[in-house]
N, C-alpha and C. Protein backbone atom coordinates (compact mmCIF):
# COMPACT_ATOMS: atom_id res chain seq x y z
N MET A 1 59.81 13.05 -9.07
CA MET A 1 60.69 12.00 -8.61
C MET A 1 61.88 11.86 -9.56
N LEU A 2 61.60 11.87 -10.85
CA LEU A 2 62.68 11.70 -11.81
C LEU A 2 63.72 12.81 -11.69
N ALA A 3 63.26 14.04 -11.51
CA ALA A 3 64.18 15.16 -11.42
C ALA A 3 65.13 15.00 -10.24
N TYR A 4 64.62 14.51 -9.13
CA TYR A 4 65.45 14.38 -7.93
C TYR A 4 66.31 13.12 -7.93
N GLU A 5 65.79 12.04 -8.51
CA GLU A 5 66.47 10.76 -8.39
C GLU A 5 67.41 10.43 -9.54
N THR A 6 67.30 11.12 -10.68
CA THR A 6 68.09 10.72 -11.85
C THR A 6 69.05 11.79 -12.34
N ASP A 7 69.02 12.98 -11.79
CA ASP A 7 69.85 14.09 -12.26
C ASP A 7 69.53 14.49 -13.70
N VAL A 8 68.36 14.13 -14.19
CA VAL A 8 67.98 14.43 -15.57
C VAL A 8 67.95 15.94 -15.82
N THR A 9 67.75 16.73 -14.77
CA THR A 9 67.67 18.19 -14.94
C THR A 9 69.04 18.86 -14.97
N LYS A 10 70.09 18.08 -14.84
CA LYS A 10 71.44 18.67 -14.84
C LYS A 10 72.02 18.81 -16.23
N THR A 11 71.25 18.51 -17.25
CA THR A 11 71.69 18.70 -18.62
C THR A 11 70.61 19.47 -19.37
N VAL A 12 71.03 20.27 -20.34
CA VAL A 12 70.09 21.11 -21.06
C VAL A 12 69.10 20.28 -21.85
N ASP A 13 69.57 19.27 -22.55
CA ASP A 13 68.70 18.45 -23.40
C ASP A 13 69.06 16.98 -23.21
N PRO A 14 68.52 16.34 -22.18
CA PRO A 14 68.90 14.97 -21.88
C PRO A 14 68.51 13.97 -22.98
N PHE A 15 67.58 14.34 -23.83
CA PHE A 15 67.14 13.43 -24.88
C PHE A 15 67.64 13.85 -26.26
N ALA A 16 68.66 14.67 -26.31
CA ALA A 16 69.18 15.17 -27.59
C ALA A 16 69.49 14.01 -28.52
N GLY A 17 68.94 14.11 -29.72
CA GLY A 17 69.21 13.09 -30.72
C GLY A 17 68.35 11.85 -30.59
N SER A 18 67.48 11.79 -29.59
CA SER A 18 66.64 10.62 -29.41
C SER A 18 65.61 10.54 -30.53
N TYR A 19 65.63 9.42 -31.26
CA TYR A 19 64.68 9.25 -32.35
C TYR A 19 63.24 9.33 -31.83
N ALA A 20 62.98 8.71 -30.69
CA ALA A 20 61.62 8.69 -30.16
C ALA A 20 61.13 10.10 -29.86
N ILE A 21 61.96 10.90 -29.22
CA ILE A 21 61.57 12.27 -28.88
C ILE A 21 61.43 13.11 -30.14
N GLU A 22 62.37 12.96 -31.08
CA GLU A 22 62.29 13.71 -32.34
C GLU A 22 61.02 13.34 -33.09
N SER A 23 60.65 12.08 -33.08
CA SER A 23 59.44 11.63 -33.77
C SER A 23 58.19 12.24 -33.11
N LEU A 24 58.15 12.22 -31.78
CA LEU A 24 57.02 12.82 -31.07
C LEU A 24 56.93 14.32 -31.36
N THR A 25 58.07 14.99 -31.40
CA THR A 25 58.10 16.42 -31.69
C THR A 25 57.59 16.69 -33.10
N ASN A 26 58.00 15.88 -34.05
CA ASN A 26 57.53 16.04 -35.43
C ASN A 26 56.02 15.80 -35.52
N ASP A 27 55.53 14.77 -34.84
CA ASP A 27 54.08 14.50 -34.84
C ASP A 27 53.32 15.69 -34.26
N LEU A 28 53.86 16.26 -33.20
CA LEU A 28 53.24 17.42 -32.57
C LEU A 28 53.20 18.60 -33.53
N GLU A 29 54.28 18.84 -34.24
CA GLU A 29 54.33 19.93 -35.22
C GLU A 29 53.29 19.73 -36.31
N VAL A 30 53.15 18.51 -36.81
CA VAL A 30 52.18 18.22 -37.87
C VAL A 30 50.76 18.50 -37.36
N GLU A 31 50.44 18.06 -36.15
CA GLU A 31 49.10 18.26 -35.60
C GLU A 31 48.83 19.74 -35.34
N ILE A 32 49.82 20.46 -34.85
CA ILE A 32 49.65 21.91 -34.64
C ILE A 32 49.39 22.60 -35.96
N ARG A 33 50.15 22.27 -36.98
CA ARG A 33 49.96 22.87 -38.31
C ARG A 33 48.56 22.57 -38.83
N ARG A 34 48.08 21.32 -38.64
CA ARG A 34 46.74 20.94 -39.10
C ARG A 34 45.68 21.81 -38.41
N LEU A 35 45.80 21.96 -37.09
CA LEU A 35 44.83 22.76 -36.35
C LEU A 35 44.89 24.23 -36.75
N LEU A 36 46.09 24.76 -36.95
CA LEU A 36 46.21 26.15 -37.38
C LEU A 36 45.60 26.35 -38.77
N ASP A 37 45.76 25.38 -39.65
CA ASP A 37 45.16 25.46 -40.99
C ASP A 37 43.63 25.46 -40.90
N VAL A 38 43.09 24.60 -40.03
CA VAL A 38 41.63 24.56 -39.84
C VAL A 38 41.13 25.91 -39.33
N ILE A 39 41.83 26.46 -38.34
CA ILE A 39 41.44 27.76 -37.78
C ILE A 39 41.53 28.85 -38.84
N GLU A 40 42.57 28.81 -39.65
CA GLU A 40 42.73 29.80 -40.72
C GLU A 40 41.60 29.70 -41.73
N GLU A 41 41.20 28.47 -42.08
CA GLU A 41 40.09 28.26 -43.02
C GLU A 41 38.77 28.78 -42.46
N MET A 42 38.65 28.79 -41.14
CA MET A 42 37.43 29.28 -40.50
C MET A 42 37.39 30.81 -40.46
N GLY A 43 38.48 31.45 -40.84
CA GLY A 43 38.52 32.91 -40.83
C GLY A 43 39.38 33.48 -39.72
N GLY A 44 40.17 32.65 -39.06
CA GLY A 44 41.05 33.13 -38.01
C GLY A 44 40.58 32.72 -36.63
N ALA A 45 41.40 33.06 -35.64
CA ALA A 45 41.14 32.63 -34.27
C ALA A 45 39.82 33.17 -33.72
N ALA A 46 39.52 34.45 -33.99
CA ALA A 46 38.29 35.03 -33.45
C ALA A 46 37.06 34.33 -34.02
N ALA A 47 37.07 34.07 -35.32
CA ALA A 47 35.94 33.38 -35.95
C ALA A 47 35.81 31.96 -35.40
N ALA A 48 36.93 31.30 -35.20
CA ALA A 48 36.89 29.94 -34.66
C ALA A 48 36.36 29.93 -33.23
N ILE A 49 36.73 30.94 -32.45
CA ILE A 49 36.22 31.03 -31.08
C ILE A 49 34.70 31.21 -31.10
N GLU A 50 34.21 32.06 -32.00
CA GLU A 50 32.77 32.31 -32.08
C GLU A 50 31.99 31.05 -32.42
N THR A 51 32.58 30.15 -33.19
CA THR A 51 31.89 28.89 -33.52
C THR A 51 32.09 27.84 -32.44
N GLY A 52 32.96 28.13 -31.47
CA GLY A 52 33.21 27.17 -30.40
C GLY A 52 34.24 26.11 -30.76
N PHE A 53 35.01 26.35 -31.82
CA PHE A 53 35.95 25.33 -32.30
C PHE A 53 36.99 24.96 -31.23
N GLN A 54 37.70 25.96 -30.69
CA GLN A 54 38.75 25.66 -29.72
C GLN A 54 38.18 24.97 -28.48
N LYS A 55 37.07 25.48 -28.00
CA LYS A 55 36.43 24.89 -26.82
C LYS A 55 36.05 23.44 -27.09
N SER A 56 35.49 23.20 -28.26
CA SER A 56 35.10 21.85 -28.64
C SER A 56 36.31 20.92 -28.72
N GLU A 57 37.40 21.41 -29.28
CA GLU A 57 38.63 20.60 -29.39
C GLU A 57 39.19 20.27 -28.00
N ILE A 58 39.17 21.25 -27.11
CA ILE A 58 39.66 21.02 -25.75
C ILE A 58 38.78 20.00 -25.04
N GLU A 59 37.46 20.14 -25.18
CA GLU A 59 36.54 19.21 -24.53
C GLU A 59 36.69 17.80 -25.09
N ARG A 60 36.84 17.68 -26.41
CA ARG A 60 37.02 16.37 -27.03
C ARG A 60 38.30 15.73 -26.53
N SER A 61 39.36 16.51 -26.49
CA SER A 61 40.65 16.00 -26.04
C SER A 61 40.58 15.56 -24.58
N ALA A 62 39.94 16.35 -23.74
CA ALA A 62 39.81 16.00 -22.32
C ALA A 62 38.98 14.73 -22.16
N TYR A 63 37.92 14.60 -22.96
CA TYR A 63 37.08 13.40 -22.91
C TYR A 63 37.88 12.18 -23.32
N ASP A 64 38.62 12.29 -24.42
CA ASP A 64 39.44 11.17 -24.89
C ASP A 64 40.48 10.78 -23.84
N PHE A 65 41.10 11.77 -23.23
CA PHE A 65 42.12 11.53 -22.21
C PHE A 65 41.50 10.78 -21.02
N ALA A 66 40.35 11.25 -20.55
CA ALA A 66 39.67 10.61 -19.42
C ALA A 66 39.25 9.19 -19.77
N ARG A 67 38.77 8.99 -20.98
CA ARG A 67 38.35 7.66 -21.43
C ARG A 67 39.55 6.70 -21.45
N GLU A 68 40.70 7.18 -21.92
CA GLU A 68 41.91 6.35 -21.94
C GLU A 68 42.31 5.94 -20.52
N ILE A 69 42.17 6.85 -19.58
CA ILE A 69 42.48 6.53 -18.18
C ILE A 69 41.49 5.50 -17.66
N ASP A 70 40.19 5.71 -17.92
CA ASP A 70 39.16 4.79 -17.45
C ASP A 70 39.34 3.39 -18.01
N ARG A 71 39.75 3.29 -19.26
CA ARG A 71 39.94 1.98 -19.91
C ARG A 71 41.28 1.34 -19.56
N GLY A 72 42.14 2.08 -18.87
CA GLY A 72 43.45 1.56 -18.54
C GLY A 72 44.46 1.68 -19.67
N GLU A 73 44.10 2.40 -20.73
CA GLU A 73 45.01 2.59 -21.86
C GLU A 73 46.09 3.61 -21.52
N ARG A 74 45.82 4.47 -20.56
CA ARG A 74 46.78 5.48 -20.11
C ARG A 74 46.90 5.30 -18.60
N ILE A 75 48.11 5.13 -18.14
CA ILE A 75 48.33 4.90 -16.72
C ILE A 75 48.60 6.22 -16.01
N VAL A 76 47.87 6.42 -14.93
CA VAL A 76 48.10 7.57 -14.05
C VAL A 76 48.29 7.00 -12.65
N VAL A 77 49.51 7.10 -12.16
CA VAL A 77 49.85 6.54 -10.86
C VAL A 77 48.96 7.15 -9.78
N GLY A 78 48.34 6.28 -9.01
CA GLY A 78 47.47 6.71 -7.93
C GLY A 78 46.02 6.88 -8.34
N VAL A 79 45.77 6.89 -9.66
CA VAL A 79 44.40 7.03 -10.15
C VAL A 79 43.88 5.69 -10.65
N ASN A 80 44.56 5.11 -11.64
CA ASN A 80 44.10 3.83 -12.16
C ASN A 80 45.16 2.72 -12.00
N ARG A 81 46.26 3.04 -11.38
CA ARG A 81 47.29 2.05 -11.03
C ARG A 81 47.99 2.49 -9.76
N PHE A 82 48.44 1.52 -9.01
CA PHE A 82 49.24 1.75 -7.82
C PHE A 82 48.54 2.67 -6.81
N GLN A 83 47.23 2.43 -6.65
CA GLN A 83 46.49 3.21 -5.66
C GLN A 83 46.82 2.70 -4.26
N ILE A 84 46.70 3.57 -3.32
CA ILE A 84 46.86 3.19 -1.91
C ILE A 84 45.53 2.62 -1.46
N ASP A 85 45.58 1.47 -0.83
CA ASP A 85 44.35 0.79 -0.42
C ASP A 85 43.65 1.45 0.76
N GLU A 86 44.39 2.25 1.51
CA GLU A 86 43.80 2.90 2.67
C GLU A 86 42.82 3.98 2.22
N HIS A 87 41.64 3.95 2.77
CA HIS A 87 40.64 4.97 2.44
C HIS A 87 40.33 5.77 3.70
N GLU A 88 40.56 7.04 3.61
CA GLU A 88 40.23 7.90 4.73
C GLU A 88 38.75 8.23 4.66
N PRO A 89 38.06 8.19 5.77
CA PRO A 89 36.63 8.52 5.74
C PRO A 89 36.43 9.97 5.31
N TYR A 90 35.41 10.19 4.53
CA TYR A 90 35.10 11.54 4.05
C TYR A 90 34.47 12.34 5.18
N GLU A 91 35.03 13.48 5.42
CA GLU A 91 34.48 14.40 6.41
C GLU A 91 34.18 15.72 5.72
N PRO A 92 32.92 16.07 5.56
CA PRO A 92 32.62 17.35 4.92
C PRO A 92 33.14 18.51 5.78
N LEU A 93 33.54 19.54 5.11
CA LEU A 93 34.04 20.72 5.81
C LEU A 93 32.86 21.43 6.47
N ARG A 94 32.94 21.58 7.74
CA ARG A 94 31.90 22.28 8.48
C ARG A 94 32.47 23.62 8.94
N LEU A 95 31.83 24.67 8.49
CA LEU A 95 32.29 26.01 8.85
C LEU A 95 31.56 26.49 10.09
N ASP A 96 32.26 27.21 10.88
CA ASP A 96 31.69 27.81 12.07
C ASP A 96 30.74 28.92 11.62
N PRO A 97 29.46 28.87 12.00
CA PRO A 97 28.50 29.89 11.59
C PRO A 97 28.93 31.30 12.00
N LYS A 98 29.76 31.41 13.01
CA LYS A 98 30.23 32.73 13.45
C LYS A 98 31.06 33.41 12.36
N ILE A 99 31.72 32.62 11.51
CA ILE A 99 32.51 33.20 10.43
C ILE A 99 31.60 33.98 9.48
N GLY A 100 30.47 33.39 9.12
CA GLY A 100 29.52 34.07 8.25
C GLY A 100 28.94 35.31 8.90
N GLU A 101 28.63 35.19 10.16
CA GLU A 101 28.09 36.34 10.89
C GLU A 101 29.11 37.48 10.95
N THR A 102 30.36 37.13 11.21
CA THR A 102 31.43 38.13 11.28
C THR A 102 31.59 38.82 9.94
N GLN A 103 31.56 38.04 8.87
CA GLN A 103 31.72 38.61 7.52
C GLN A 103 30.54 39.51 7.17
N THR A 104 29.33 39.08 7.53
CA THR A 104 28.14 39.88 7.26
C THR A 104 28.21 41.21 8.01
N GLN A 105 28.65 41.16 9.25
CA GLN A 105 28.79 42.39 10.04
C GLN A 105 29.85 43.31 9.44
N ALA A 106 30.96 42.73 9.00
CA ALA A 106 32.03 43.54 8.40
C ALA A 106 31.54 44.21 7.12
N LEU A 107 30.75 43.49 6.33
CA LEU A 107 30.21 44.05 5.09
C LEU A 107 29.24 45.18 5.40
N ALA A 108 28.38 44.98 6.38
CA ALA A 108 27.44 46.03 6.77
C ALA A 108 28.19 47.26 7.27
N GLN A 109 29.24 47.04 8.02
CA GLN A 109 30.05 48.15 8.54
C GLN A 109 30.73 48.90 7.40
N LEU A 110 31.25 48.16 6.42
CA LEU A 110 31.88 48.79 5.26
C LEU A 110 30.87 49.67 4.52
N ARG A 111 29.69 49.12 4.27
CA ARG A 111 28.67 49.88 3.54
C ARG A 111 28.22 51.11 4.31
N ALA A 112 28.15 51.00 5.62
CA ALA A 112 27.71 52.14 6.44
C ALA A 112 28.78 53.23 6.53
N SER A 113 30.03 52.83 6.47
CA SER A 113 31.11 53.81 6.69
C SER A 113 31.65 54.44 5.41
N ARG A 114 31.32 53.88 4.25
CA ARG A 114 31.89 54.44 3.02
C ARG A 114 31.20 55.74 2.63
N ASP A 115 31.89 56.56 1.88
CA ASP A 115 31.36 57.82 1.36
C ASP A 115 30.35 57.47 0.27
N LYS A 116 29.06 57.62 0.60
CA LYS A 116 28.01 57.20 -0.32
C LYS A 116 28.07 57.93 -1.66
N GLY A 117 28.37 59.20 -1.63
CA GLY A 117 28.47 59.98 -2.87
C GLY A 117 29.59 59.48 -3.75
N ALA A 118 30.76 59.25 -3.17
CA ALA A 118 31.91 58.75 -3.94
C ALA A 118 31.62 57.36 -4.48
N HIS A 119 30.96 56.53 -3.67
CA HIS A 119 30.63 55.17 -4.09
C HIS A 119 29.65 55.20 -5.26
N GLU A 120 28.58 55.97 -5.12
CA GLU A 120 27.57 56.04 -6.18
C GLU A 120 28.16 56.61 -7.46
N SER A 121 28.99 57.62 -7.35
CA SER A 121 29.62 58.23 -8.52
C SER A 121 30.54 57.23 -9.22
N ALA A 122 31.37 56.54 -8.45
CA ALA A 122 32.29 55.57 -9.04
C ALA A 122 31.53 54.42 -9.70
N MET A 123 30.45 53.97 -9.06
CA MET A 123 29.68 52.87 -9.63
C MET A 123 28.94 53.31 -10.89
N ALA A 124 28.45 54.54 -10.92
CA ALA A 124 27.77 55.06 -12.12
C ALA A 124 28.76 55.16 -13.28
N GLU A 125 29.97 55.67 -13.00
CA GLU A 125 31.00 55.75 -14.04
C GLU A 125 31.37 54.35 -14.53
N PHE A 126 31.46 53.42 -13.61
CA PHE A 126 31.80 52.05 -13.98
C PHE A 126 30.70 51.44 -14.86
N ALA A 127 29.44 51.64 -14.48
CA ALA A 127 28.33 51.10 -15.26
C ALA A 127 28.33 51.68 -16.67
N GLU A 128 28.61 52.96 -16.78
CA GLU A 128 28.68 53.60 -18.10
C GLU A 128 29.83 53.02 -18.92
N ALA A 129 30.96 52.79 -18.29
CA ALA A 129 32.12 52.21 -18.99
C ALA A 129 31.80 50.79 -19.46
N VAL A 130 31.05 50.05 -18.66
CA VAL A 130 30.65 48.69 -19.06
C VAL A 130 29.79 48.76 -20.31
N LYS A 131 28.83 49.69 -20.33
CA LYS A 131 27.95 49.85 -21.51
C LYS A 131 28.74 50.22 -22.75
N ARG A 132 29.77 51.06 -22.58
CA ARG A 132 30.59 51.49 -23.73
C ARG A 132 31.63 50.44 -24.12
N GLU A 133 31.78 49.41 -23.28
CA GLU A 133 32.82 48.40 -23.47
C GLU A 133 34.20 49.03 -23.48
N ALA A 134 34.39 49.97 -22.57
CA ALA A 134 35.68 50.65 -22.40
C ALA A 134 36.63 49.74 -21.63
N ASN A 135 37.88 50.17 -21.51
CA ASN A 135 38.83 49.48 -20.65
C ASN A 135 38.32 49.64 -19.22
N LEU A 136 37.94 48.56 -18.59
CA LEU A 136 37.27 48.63 -17.29
C LEU A 136 38.22 48.76 -16.11
N LEU A 137 39.47 48.44 -16.30
CA LEU A 137 40.39 48.40 -15.17
C LEU A 137 40.43 49.69 -14.37
N PRO A 138 40.58 50.87 -14.99
CA PRO A 138 40.63 52.09 -14.17
C PRO A 138 39.30 52.35 -13.44
N TYR A 139 38.20 51.97 -14.06
CA TYR A 139 36.89 52.18 -13.43
C TYR A 139 36.68 51.22 -12.26
N ILE A 140 37.13 49.98 -12.44
CA ILE A 140 37.04 49.02 -11.33
C ILE A 140 37.91 49.50 -10.17
N LYS A 141 39.09 49.98 -10.49
CA LYS A 141 40.01 50.48 -9.45
C LYS A 141 39.35 51.61 -8.67
N ARG A 142 38.72 52.56 -9.39
CA ARG A 142 38.05 53.67 -8.71
C ARG A 142 36.90 53.18 -7.84
N ALA A 143 36.13 52.24 -8.37
CA ALA A 143 34.99 51.70 -7.61
C ALA A 143 35.48 51.03 -6.33
N LEU A 144 36.54 50.25 -6.44
CA LEU A 144 37.07 49.58 -5.25
C LEU A 144 37.67 50.57 -4.26
N GLN A 145 38.29 51.62 -4.77
CA GLN A 145 38.82 52.66 -3.88
C GLN A 145 37.69 53.39 -3.16
N ALA A 146 36.50 53.42 -3.79
CA ALA A 146 35.33 54.03 -3.17
C ALA A 146 34.59 53.01 -2.30
N LYS A 147 35.26 51.90 -2.01
CA LYS A 147 34.75 50.85 -1.12
C LYS A 147 33.59 50.04 -1.71
N ALA A 148 33.55 49.93 -3.04
CA ALA A 148 32.58 49.02 -3.66
C ALA A 148 33.05 47.59 -3.36
N THR A 149 32.11 46.67 -3.29
CA THR A 149 32.47 45.27 -3.07
C THR A 149 32.65 44.58 -4.42
N ILE A 150 33.34 43.47 -4.40
CA ILE A 150 33.50 42.68 -5.63
C ILE A 150 32.13 42.26 -6.15
N GLY A 151 31.23 41.92 -5.25
CA GLY A 151 29.89 41.53 -5.65
C GLY A 151 29.16 42.65 -6.37
N GLU A 152 29.30 43.88 -5.88
CA GLU A 152 28.66 45.03 -6.54
C GLU A 152 29.24 45.25 -7.93
N VAL A 153 30.56 45.12 -8.05
CA VAL A 153 31.21 45.29 -9.35
C VAL A 153 30.72 44.20 -10.31
N CYS A 154 30.67 42.97 -9.84
CA CYS A 154 30.21 41.87 -10.70
C CYS A 154 28.74 42.03 -11.07
N ASP A 155 27.93 42.52 -10.15
CA ASP A 155 26.51 42.74 -10.45
C ASP A 155 26.32 43.70 -11.62
N VAL A 156 27.14 44.75 -11.67
CA VAL A 156 27.05 45.72 -12.77
C VAL A 156 27.35 45.02 -14.10
N MET A 157 28.40 44.21 -14.12
CA MET A 157 28.75 43.52 -15.36
C MET A 157 27.69 42.49 -15.74
N ARG A 158 27.16 41.77 -14.74
CA ARG A 158 26.11 40.78 -15.02
C ARG A 158 24.86 41.45 -15.58
N SER A 159 24.52 42.63 -15.04
CA SER A 159 23.30 43.30 -15.50
C SER A 159 23.43 43.73 -16.96
N GLU A 160 24.65 44.03 -17.41
CA GLU A 160 24.85 44.45 -18.80
C GLU A 160 25.09 43.27 -19.73
N TRP A 161 25.88 42.32 -19.29
CA TRP A 161 26.32 41.24 -20.18
C TRP A 161 25.66 39.89 -19.90
N GLY A 162 25.00 39.76 -18.76
CA GLY A 162 24.43 38.47 -18.41
C GLY A 162 25.49 37.56 -17.81
N VAL A 163 25.14 36.29 -17.70
CA VAL A 163 26.02 35.29 -17.11
C VAL A 163 26.45 34.33 -18.20
N TYR A 164 27.72 33.98 -18.24
CA TYR A 164 28.23 33.05 -19.24
C TYR A 164 27.60 31.68 -19.05
N ARG A 165 27.04 31.17 -20.09
CA ARG A 165 26.50 29.81 -20.10
C ARG A 165 27.23 29.06 -21.21
N PRO A 166 28.01 28.05 -20.86
CA PRO A 166 28.74 27.33 -21.90
C PRO A 166 27.78 26.66 -22.87
N SER A 167 28.16 26.67 -24.13
CA SER A 167 27.32 26.03 -25.14
C SER A 167 27.61 24.54 -25.16
N ASP A 168 26.71 23.80 -25.73
CA ASP A 168 26.88 22.35 -25.86
C ASP A 168 27.37 22.01 -27.25
N VAL A 169 28.45 22.67 -27.68
CA VAL A 169 28.99 22.45 -29.02
C VAL A 169 29.55 21.05 -29.13
N PHE A 170 30.12 20.55 -28.03
CA PHE A 170 30.77 19.25 -28.03
C PHE A 170 29.75 18.22 -28.41
C-alpha cells in the first residue's frame, strides 16, 4: 500500500540521513557481528550447523516473534488488529476420487512402457552415486530420462540416508 499510495519507491533512499533508520541499521550490524563471532568461536559455520546453533536461533527468533504478536506487542494487520469480522465457513477440499485413479493408471502405464533395462541401469548407477556421495544431479537426470519416478529417486536416497528428523535443540 505504501509503495502505491506514497511514491516512496520513486527515490533511491527515502530515509537518507534519518537518525531512526541509521540507529536501526547500526543495531543490526552489532547483532550480526555478535552472531558471527559466536559462530566463529564454535569453529565456523559448518561446526555451528552440526550443533544446531543456526536452527536454534531461527526457532527462538520465530517463537519470540509469535509471542510478541500473541501478546499484542507487535501489530500485524489482519492477524491481531483490524481483523475482518466476517468469517467464511471452512470447507475442506474434497478431491474427486477419479483424479487419484487417473494418476494411478498413468503411473502404471509409465512403468509398463519404460525400457526396463535402461531404468534399472540408471537407478543402479544412481544408487551407487548416492553411496559415494557424488554429485547426484547427472545421475538423477539420467534416472528421470529413463522414466524413473520422483518417488523411486527419493526412495533410493531414503534407503541410504534415512529421513530427516529435526532435533529438539530449541
